Amino acid sequence: MEINYMANTHKRLKGRCTSVNAYYSITICCDFRKPLFANFLWPRLIASELIKFSRKNSLNIICYVIMPDHIHWLLQLNSSLDLSNLARNFKNITTYRLNKHSGTHGKIWQSNYYDHKIRNDEDLIGQARYIVANPLRAGLVDDIRKYPYWNCAYL
């Protein structure tokens, strides 16, 4: 039996449309919250794929952080790509790349994801601060400059 740690995205997002030029915060968790990104190579691959994927799909990355068992990603949509398709495509591509690189065939991500549509400038700044501070809150580092797997357009 699969334990799902995320809200049922299909129910929550029913009838919701994404908007071009809107900002969204997305959280994607590893399958069963396994700390798959605790080693050095996989978070670097995820960061690289995040940048390539964003360029290919006309997304502006505001910030991201790759935690040991999940990622936070704050982005701006610059195309009409549906957010659920975007998340699914990202998960498919990164699963393929990580499995190919490591010689494995396992599941990387949980089925669902969490998203938050940014409502205003204060919400945008608040979400960026929340994302960047995630390694601090988790006790992984005492100074964000010591954590290697994040980036923010505001810094």
N, C-alpha and C. Protein backbone atom coordinates (compact mmCIF):
# COMPACT_ATOMS: atom_id res chain seq x y z
N MET A 1 0.84 -1.18 0.00
CA MET A 1 0.00 0.00 0.00
C MET A 1 0.89 1.24 0.00
N GLU A 2 0.63 2.16 -0.91
CA GLU A 2 1.42 3.39 -1.00
C GLU A 2 0.87 4.42 -0.03
N ILE A 3 1.77 5.01 0.74
CA ILE A 3 1.40 6.09 1.64
C ILE A 3 1.61 7.39 0.89
N ASN A 4 0.60 8.21 0.83
CA ASN A 4 0.69 9.47 0.10
C ASN A 4 0.77 10.61 1.10
N TYR A 5 1.88 11.33 1.12
CA TYR A 5 2.10 12.41 2.07
C TYR A 5 1.61 13.76 1.57
N MET A 6 1.18 13.84 0.34
CA MET A 6 0.73 15.12 -0.22
C MET A 6 -0.79 15.11 -0.33
N ALA A 7 -1.37 16.28 -0.39
CA ALA A 7 -2.80 16.41 -0.59
C ALA A 7 -3.19 15.83 -1.93
N ASN A 8 -4.43 15.39 -2.06
CA ASN A 8 -4.88 14.85 -3.33
C ASN A 8 -5.01 15.99 -4.33
N THR A 9 -4.01 16.13 -5.16
CA THR A 9 -3.91 17.25 -6.10
C THR A 9 -5.08 17.28 -7.06
N HIS A 10 -5.51 16.10 -7.52
CA HIS A 10 -6.59 16.05 -8.50
C HIS A 10 -7.89 16.64 -7.95
N LYS A 11 -8.20 16.36 -6.69
CA LYS A 11 -9.41 16.91 -6.09
C LYS A 11 -9.26 18.41 -5.83
N ARG A 12 -8.10 18.79 -5.29
CA ARG A 12 -7.89 20.18 -4.89
C ARG A 12 -7.84 21.12 -6.09
N LEU A 13 -7.31 20.64 -7.21
CA LEU A 13 -7.11 21.51 -8.35
C LEU A 13 -8.21 21.40 -9.41
N LYS A 14 -9.25 20.62 -9.12
CA LYS A 14 -10.30 20.41 -10.10
C LYS A 14 -10.90 21.75 -10.55
N GLY A 15 -10.88 21.98 -11.85
CA GLY A 15 -11.43 23.20 -12.41
C GLY A 15 -10.50 24.40 -12.36
N ARG A 16 -9.32 24.24 -11.79
CA ARG A 16 -8.38 25.35 -11.68
C ARG A 16 -7.53 25.44 -12.93
N CYS A 17 -7.35 26.64 -13.41
CA CYS A 17 -6.53 26.88 -14.60
C CYS A 17 -5.30 27.67 -14.21
N THR A 18 -4.18 27.35 -14.84
CA THR A 18 -2.98 28.13 -14.60
C THR A 18 -3.01 29.35 -15.51
N SER A 19 -2.28 30.37 -15.11
CA SER A 19 -2.28 31.63 -15.84
C SER A 19 -0.88 31.95 -16.34
N VAL A 20 -0.80 32.41 -17.59
CA VAL A 20 0.47 32.85 -18.15
C VAL A 20 0.94 34.07 -17.36
N ASN A 21 2.23 34.12 -17.08
CA ASN A 21 2.90 35.18 -16.32
C ASN A 21 2.61 35.14 -14.82
N ALA A 22 1.85 34.16 -14.36
CA ALA A 22 1.59 34.03 -12.92
C ALA A 22 2.76 33.31 -12.26
N TYR A 23 2.88 33.54 -10.95
CA TYR A 23 3.92 32.89 -10.15
C TYR A 23 3.30 31.75 -9.36
N TYR A 24 4.07 30.67 -9.23
CA TYR A 24 3.62 29.50 -8.49
C TYR A 24 4.77 28.96 -7.65
N SER A 25 4.43 28.50 -6.47
CA SER A 25 5.36 27.77 -5.63
C SER A 25 4.94 26.30 -5.69
N ILE A 26 5.91 25.44 -5.98
CA ILE A 26 5.63 24.01 -6.12
C ILE A 26 6.54 23.24 -5.17
N THR A 27 5.97 22.25 -4.50
CA THR A 27 6.73 21.32 -3.67
C THR A 27 6.50 19.92 -4.22
N ILE A 28 7.60 19.23 -4.51
CA ILE A 28 7.54 17.87 -5.02
C ILE A 28 8.36 17.00 -4.07
N CYS A 29 7.74 15.95 -3.54
CA CYS A 29 8.40 15.09 -2.56
C CYS A 29 8.88 13.79 -3.19
N CYS A 30 9.97 13.29 -2.65
CA CYS A 30 10.47 11.98 -3.06
C CYS A 30 9.48 10.90 -2.61
N ASP A 31 9.45 9.81 -3.33
CA ASP A 31 8.57 8.70 -3.02
C ASP A 31 8.84 8.23 -1.58
N PHE A 32 7.78 8.15 -0.78
CA PHE A 32 7.85 7.76 0.62
C PHE A 32 8.79 8.65 1.44
N ARG A 33 9.04 9.87 0.92
CA ARG A 33 9.92 10.86 1.57
C ARG A 33 11.31 10.29 1.84
N LYS A 34 11.76 9.42 0.96
CA LYS A 34 13.12 8.87 1.08
C LYS A 34 14.12 10.00 0.84
N PRO A 35 15.20 10.07 1.61
CA PRO A 35 16.19 11.13 1.43
C PRO A 35 17.13 10.84 0.26
N LEU A 36 16.56 10.81 -0.93
CA LEU A 36 17.32 10.46 -2.14
C LEU A 36 18.34 11.52 -2.52
N PHE A 37 18.15 12.74 -2.04
CA PHE A 37 19.04 13.84 -2.41
C PHE A 37 20.01 14.19 -1.28
N ALA A 38 20.26 13.24 -0.41
CA ALA A 38 21.19 13.48 0.70
C ALA A 38 22.65 13.33 0.25
N ASN A 39 22.87 12.66 -0.88
CA ASN A 39 24.24 12.53 -1.36
C ASN A 39 24.61 13.74 -2.22
N PHE A 40 25.78 13.76 -2.76
CA PHE A 40 26.27 14.92 -3.50
C PHE A 40 25.80 14.97 -4.96
N LEU A 41 25.73 13.83 -5.64
CA LEU A 41 25.48 13.83 -7.08
C LEU A 41 24.03 14.10 -7.47
N TRP A 42 23.09 13.47 -6.80
CA TRP A 42 21.70 13.62 -7.22
C TRP A 42 21.16 15.04 -7.09
N PRO A 43 21.44 15.77 -6.03
CA PRO A 43 20.95 17.16 -5.98
C PRO A 43 21.55 18.02 -7.09
N ARG A 44 22.80 17.77 -7.44
CA ARG A 44 23.42 18.51 -8.54
C ARG A 44 22.72 18.20 -9.86
N LEU A 45 22.38 16.94 -10.08
CA LEU A 45 21.65 16.57 -11.29
C LEU A 45 20.27 17.21 -11.31
N ILE A 46 19.58 17.21 -10.18
CA ILE A 46 18.25 17.83 -10.10
C ILE A 46 18.35 19.32 -10.40
N ALA A 47 19.33 20.00 -9.83
CA ALA A 47 19.50 21.44 -10.08
C ALA A 47 19.77 21.70 -11.56
N SER A 48 20.62 20.90 -12.16
CA SER A 48 20.91 21.04 -13.58
C SER A 48 19.67 20.82 -14.44
N GLU A 49 18.91 19.79 -14.12
CA GLU A 49 17.69 19.50 -14.87
C GLU A 49 16.64 20.58 -14.65
N LEU A 50 16.56 21.13 -13.46
CA LEU A 50 15.62 22.21 -13.16
C LEU A 50 15.90 23.41 -14.05
N ILE A 51 17.15 23.76 -14.21
CA ILE A 51 17.54 24.90 -15.05
C ILE A 51 17.25 24.60 -16.52
N LYS A 52 17.64 23.42 -17.00
CA LYS A 52 17.38 23.05 -18.41
C LYS A 52 15.88 23.00 -18.69
N PHE A 53 15.13 22.39 -17.79
CA PHE A 53 13.69 22.25 -17.95
C PHE A 53 13.02 23.62 -17.99
N SER A 54 13.46 24.53 -17.12
CA SER A 54 12.88 25.87 -17.07
C SER A 54 13.14 26.63 -18.37
N ARG A 55 14.35 26.54 -18.88
CA ARG A 55 14.67 27.21 -20.16
C ARG A 55 13.83 26.65 -21.29
N LYS A 56 13.74 25.33 -21.35
CA LYS A 56 13.00 24.66 -22.43
C LYS A 56 11.51 25.01 -22.40
N ASN A 57 10.97 25.21 -21.21
CA ASN A 57 9.53 25.45 -21.05
C ASN A 57 9.17 26.90 -20.76
N SER A 58 10.08 27.82 -21.02
CA SER A 58 9.84 29.26 -20.84
C SER A 58 9.37 29.59 -19.43
N LEU A 59 10.10 29.10 -18.44
CA LEU A 59 9.80 29.39 -17.05
C LEU A 59 10.89 30.27 -16.48
N ASN A 60 10.51 31.23 -15.67
CA ASN A 60 11.48 32.01 -14.91
C ASN A 60 11.62 31.37 -13.54
N ILE A 61 12.82 30.97 -13.18
CA ILE A 61 13.06 30.45 -11.84
C ILE A 61 13.29 31.64 -10.91
N ILE A 62 12.44 31.78 -9.92
CA ILE A 62 12.63 32.81 -8.91
C ILE A 62 13.58 32.25 -7.84
N CYS A 63 13.28 31.05 -7.37
CA CYS A 63 14.20 30.38 -6.46
C CYS A 63 13.85 28.90 -6.38
N TYR A 64 14.78 28.14 -5.84
CA TYR A 64 14.55 26.73 -5.57
C TYR A 64 15.46 26.30 -4.45
N VAL A 65 15.09 25.22 -3.80
CA VAL A 65 15.95 24.55 -2.84
C VAL A 65 15.70 23.05 -2.99
N ILE A 66 16.78 22.30 -2.98
CA ILE A 66 16.69 20.85 -3.07
C ILE A 66 17.04 20.30 -1.69
N MET A 67 16.03 19.80 -1.03
CA MET A 67 16.19 19.22 0.30
C MET A 67 16.47 17.72 0.14
N PRO A 68 16.86 17.04 1.20
CA PRO A 68 17.16 15.61 1.06
C PRO A 68 15.99 14.76 0.54
N ASP A 69 14.74 15.16 0.86
CA ASP A 69 13.61 14.32 0.45
C ASP A 69 12.52 15.07 -0.33
N HIS A 70 12.80 16.29 -0.74
CA HIS A 70 11.82 17.04 -1.54
C HIS A 70 12.49 18.27 -2.16
N ILE A 71 11.76 18.90 -3.09
CA ILE A 71 12.25 20.16 -3.64
C ILE A 71 11.16 21.21 -3.53
N HIS A 72 11.58 22.45 -3.37
CA HIS A 72 10.71 23.62 -3.44
C HIS A 72 11.16 24.41 -4.66
N TRP A 73 10.20 24.91 -5.41
CA TRP A 73 10.50 25.59 -6.67
C TRP A 73 9.51 26.73 -6.84
N LEU A 74 10.01 27.94 -6.90
CA LEU A 74 9.18 29.13 -7.12
C LEU A 74 9.46 29.60 -8.54
N LEU A 75 8.42 29.66 -9.35
CA LEU A 75 8.60 29.94 -10.77
C LEU A 75 7.53 30.87 -11.31
N GLN A 76 7.81 31.42 -12.47
CA GLN A 76 6.84 32.22 -13.20
C GLN A 76 6.59 31.52 -14.52
N LEU A 77 5.32 31.27 -14.83
CA LEU A 77 4.96 30.66 -16.11
C LEU A 77 4.98 31.72 -17.20
N ASN A 78 5.68 31.47 -18.28
CA ASN A 78 5.70 32.38 -19.42
C ASN A 78 5.10 31.75 -20.65
N SER A 79 4.43 30.63 -20.46
CA SER A 79 3.75 29.96 -21.56
C SER A 79 2.43 29.43 -21.03
N SER A 80 1.68 28.83 -21.90
CA SER A 80 0.35 28.35 -21.50
C SER A 80 0.39 26.92 -20.98
N LEU A 81 1.56 26.40 -20.67
CA LEU A 81 1.69 25.04 -20.16
C LEU A 81 0.95 24.90 -18.84
N ASP A 82 0.12 23.88 -18.74
CA ASP A 82 -0.64 23.59 -17.54
C ASP A 82 0.30 23.16 -16.41
N LEU A 83 0.07 23.63 -15.22
CA LEU A 83 0.96 23.35 -14.09
C LEU A 83 1.06 21.85 -13.78
N SER A 84 -0.05 21.14 -13.86
CA SER A 84 0.01 19.70 -13.59
C SER A 84 0.82 18.98 -14.65
N ASN A 85 0.71 19.39 -15.92
CA ASN A 85 1.54 18.80 -16.97
C ASN A 85 3.01 19.15 -16.77
N LEU A 86 3.25 20.38 -16.35
CA LEU A 86 4.61 20.82 -16.09
C LEU A 86 5.25 19.96 -14.99
N ALA A 87 4.56 19.77 -13.88
CA ALA A 87 5.08 18.96 -12.78
C ALA A 87 5.28 17.51 -13.22
N ARG A 88 4.32 16.96 -13.94
CA ARG A 88 4.43 15.59 -14.43
C ARG A 88 5.63 15.44 -15.37
N ASN A 89 5.79 16.36 -16.30
CA ASN A 89 6.92 16.31 -17.23
C ASN A 89 8.26 16.41 -16.51
N PHE A 90 8.34 17.32 -15.55
CA PHE A 90 9.58 17.46 -14.78
C PHE A 90 9.90 16.17 -14.03
N LYS A 91 8.91 15.59 -13.39
CA LYS A 91 9.13 14.35 -12.66
C LYS A 91 9.54 13.22 -13.60
N ASN A 92 8.92 13.14 -14.76
CA ASN A 92 9.28 12.09 -15.73
C ASN A 92 10.71 12.24 -16.22
N ILE A 93 11.08 13.45 -16.58
CA ILE A 93 12.43 13.70 -17.10
C ILE A 93 13.48 13.43 -16.03
N THR A 94 13.27 13.94 -14.83
CA THR A 94 14.27 13.74 -13.78
C THR A 94 14.34 12.28 -13.34
N THR A 95 13.23 11.59 -13.31
CA THR A 95 13.26 10.16 -12.99
C THR A 95 14.09 9.41 -14.01
N TYR A 96 13.85 9.69 -15.27
CA TYR A 96 14.62 9.04 -16.34
C TYR A 96 16.11 9.34 -16.20
N ARG A 97 16.46 10.60 -16.03
CA ARG A 97 17.87 11.00 -15.96
C ARG A 97 18.58 10.43 -14.72
N LEU A 98 17.91 10.49 -13.57
CA LEU A 98 18.53 9.97 -12.35
C LEU A 98 18.72 8.46 -12.43
N ASN A 99 17.70 7.75 -12.92
CA ASN A 99 17.82 6.30 -13.05
C ASN A 99 18.90 5.92 -14.07
N LYS A 100 18.95 6.65 -15.16
CA LYS A 100 19.98 6.37 -16.17
C LYS A 100 21.38 6.61 -15.60
N HIS A 101 21.54 7.71 -14.90
CA HIS A 101 22.84 8.06 -14.34
C HIS A 101 23.30 7.06 -13.28
N SER A 102 22.36 6.57 -12.47
CA SER A 102 22.72 5.67 -11.37
C SER A 102 22.57 4.20 -11.71
N GLY A 103 22.05 3.90 -12.90
CA GLY A 103 21.85 2.50 -13.29
C GLY A 103 20.73 1.82 -12.54
N THR A 104 19.76 2.59 -12.07
CA THR A 104 18.62 2.04 -11.34
C THR A 104 17.35 2.18 -12.19
N HIS A 105 16.25 1.66 -11.67
CA HIS A 105 14.97 1.74 -12.38
C HIS A 105 13.83 2.09 -11.43
N GLY A 106 14.14 2.72 -10.31
CA GLY A 106 13.14 2.96 -9.28
C GLY A 106 12.34 4.23 -9.46
N LYS A 107 11.28 4.30 -8.68
CA LYS A 107 10.43 5.49 -8.62
C LYS A 107 11.15 6.54 -7.79
N ILE A 108 11.12 7.78 -8.24
CA ILE A 108 11.79 8.87 -7.53
C ILE A 108 10.79 9.72 -6.76
N TRP A 109 9.67 10.06 -7.39
CA TRP A 109 8.75 11.06 -6.85
C TRP A 109 7.43 10.45 -6.40
N GLN A 110 6.79 11.14 -5.45
CA GLN A 110 5.41 10.82 -5.11
C GLN A 110 4.52 11.19 -6.28
N SER A 111 3.36 10.61 -6.33
CA SER A 111 2.43 10.86 -7.43
C SER A 111 1.95 12.30 -7.48
N ASN A 112 1.69 12.89 -6.35
CA ASN A 112 1.14 14.24 -6.30
C ASN A 112 2.22 15.28 -6.04
N TYR A 113 1.80 16.52 -5.97
CA TYR A 113 2.68 17.63 -5.63
C TYR A 113 1.80 18.69 -4.98
N TYR A 114 2.41 19.66 -4.37
CA TYR A 114 1.67 20.76 -3.77
C TYR A 114 2.02 22.03 -4.53
N ASP A 115 1.03 22.84 -4.80
CA ASP A 115 1.30 24.13 -5.43
C ASP A 115 0.55 25.25 -4.72
N HIS A 116 1.08 26.43 -4.88
CA HIS A 116 0.47 27.64 -4.31
C HIS A 116 0.60 28.74 -5.35
N LYS A 117 -0.51 29.29 -5.78
CA LYS A 117 -0.47 30.43 -6.71
C LYS A 117 -0.17 31.69 -5.91
N ILE A 118 0.85 32.41 -6.34
CA ILE A 118 1.26 33.63 -5.66
C ILE A 118 0.25 34.73 -5.97
N ARG A 119 -0.24 35.39 -4.93
CA ARG A 119 -1.32 36.37 -5.07
C ARG A 119 -0.84 37.81 -5.27
N ASN A 120 0.31 38.15 -4.67
CA ASN A 120 0.78 39.53 -4.75
C ASN A 120 2.28 39.58 -4.45
N ASP A 121 2.85 40.76 -4.48
CA ASP A 121 4.30 40.91 -4.26
C ASP A 121 4.73 40.46 -2.87
N GLU A 122 3.93 40.73 -1.86
CA GLU A 122 4.28 40.31 -0.51
C GLU A 122 4.30 38.79 -0.41
N ASP A 123 3.35 38.14 -1.05
CA ASP A 123 3.30 36.67 -1.08
C ASP A 123 4.52 36.11 -1.81
N LEU A 124 4.91 36.76 -2.89
CA LEU A 124 6.08 36.33 -3.67
C LEU A 124 7.34 36.37 -2.82
N ILE A 125 7.56 37.47 -2.14
CA ILE A 125 8.74 37.62 -1.28
C ILE A 125 8.67 36.64 -0.12
N GLY A 126 7.50 36.49 0.47
CA GLY A 126 7.34 35.55 1.58
C GLY A 126 7.62 34.11 1.18
N GLN A 127 7.13 33.71 0.02
CA GLN A 127 7.39 32.35 -0.46
C GLN A 127 8.87 32.15 -0.76
N ALA A 128 9.51 33.13 -1.36
CA ALA A 128 10.95 33.03 -1.65
C ALA A 128 11.73 32.89 -0.35
N ARG A 129 11.40 33.66 0.66
CA ARG A 129 12.09 33.57 1.95
C ARG A 129 11.86 32.21 2.60
N TYR A 130 10.63 31.74 2.53
CA TYR A 130 10.30 30.43 3.09
C TYR A 130 11.13 29.33 2.42
N ILE A 131 11.20 29.37 1.10
CA ILE A 131 11.94 28.35 0.35
C ILE A 131 13.42 28.39 0.68
N VAL A 132 14.02 29.56 0.62
CA VAL A 132 15.45 29.68 0.88
C VAL A 132 15.80 29.29 2.31
N ALA A 133 14.92 29.55 3.25
CA ALA A 133 15.20 29.25 4.66
C ALA A 133 14.92 27.80 5.04
N ASN A 134 14.42 27.00 4.12
CA ASN A 134 14.06 25.62 4.43
C ASN A 134 15.21 24.81 5.03
N PRO A 135 16.43 24.86 4.49
CA PRO A 135 17.54 24.11 5.11
C PRO A 135 17.88 24.59 6.53
N LEU A 136 17.65 25.86 6.81
CA LEU A 136 17.87 26.39 8.16
C LEU A 136 16.84 25.81 9.12
N ARG A 137 15.57 25.85 8.74
CA ARG A 137 14.51 25.32 9.59
C ARG A 137 14.67 23.82 9.84
N ALA A 138 15.18 23.11 8.84
CA ALA A 138 15.38 21.66 8.96
C ALA A 138 16.63 21.31 9.77
N GLY A 139 17.43 22.32 10.12
CA GLY A 139 18.64 22.08 10.90
C GLY A 139 19.79 21.49 10.10
N LEU A 140 19.73 21.61 8.78
CA LEU A 140 20.80 21.06 7.94
C LEU A 140 22.05 21.93 7.98
N VAL A 141 21.85 23.24 8.15
CA VAL A 141 22.95 24.20 8.25
C VAL A 141 22.54 25.31 9.21
N ASP A 142 23.52 26.05 9.69
CA ASP A 142 23.21 27.20 10.54
C ASP A 142 23.36 28.52 9.78
N ASP A 143 23.79 28.43 8.54
CA ASP A 143 23.96 29.59 7.67
C ASP A 143 23.63 29.14 6.25
N ILE A 144 22.70 29.79 5.60
CA ILE A 144 22.25 29.34 4.27
C ILE A 144 23.40 29.31 3.27
N ARG A 145 24.41 30.11 3.48
CA ARG A 145 25.56 30.11 2.57
C ARG A 145 26.33 28.79 2.61
N LYS A 146 26.10 28.00 3.65
CA LYS A 146 26.75 26.70 3.77
C LYS A 146 25.99 25.58 3.06
N TYR A 147 24.77 25.87 2.62
CA TYR A 147 23.95 24.85 1.94
C TYR A 147 24.11 25.01 0.43
N PRO A 148 24.55 23.98 -0.28
CA PRO A 148 24.90 24.15 -1.69
C PRO A 148 23.76 24.03 -2.70
N TYR A 149 22.60 23.55 -2.29
CA TYR A 149 21.56 23.19 -3.27
C TYR A 149 20.38 24.15 -3.29
N TRP A 150 20.65 25.41 -3.56
CA TRP A 150 19.60 26.40 -3.66
C TRP A 150 20.08 27.55 -4.54
N ASN A 151 19.13 28.33 -4.99
CA ASN A 151 19.44 29.55 -5.73
C ASN A 151 18.22 30.47 -5.64
N CYS A 152 18.46 31.75 -5.71
CA CYS A 152 17.37 32.72 -5.65
C CYS A 152 17.72 33.94 -6.49
N ALA A 153 16.79 34.36 -7.30
CA ALA A 153 17.00 35.52 -8.16
C ALA A 153 17.15 36.81 -7.36
N TYR A 154 16.68 36.82 -6.12
CA TYR A 154 16.73 38.03 -5.31
C TYR A 154 18.05 38.22 -4.58
N LEU A 155 18.93 37.21 -4.61
CA LEU A 155 20.19 37.32 -3.87
C LEU A 155 21.36 37.34 -4.80
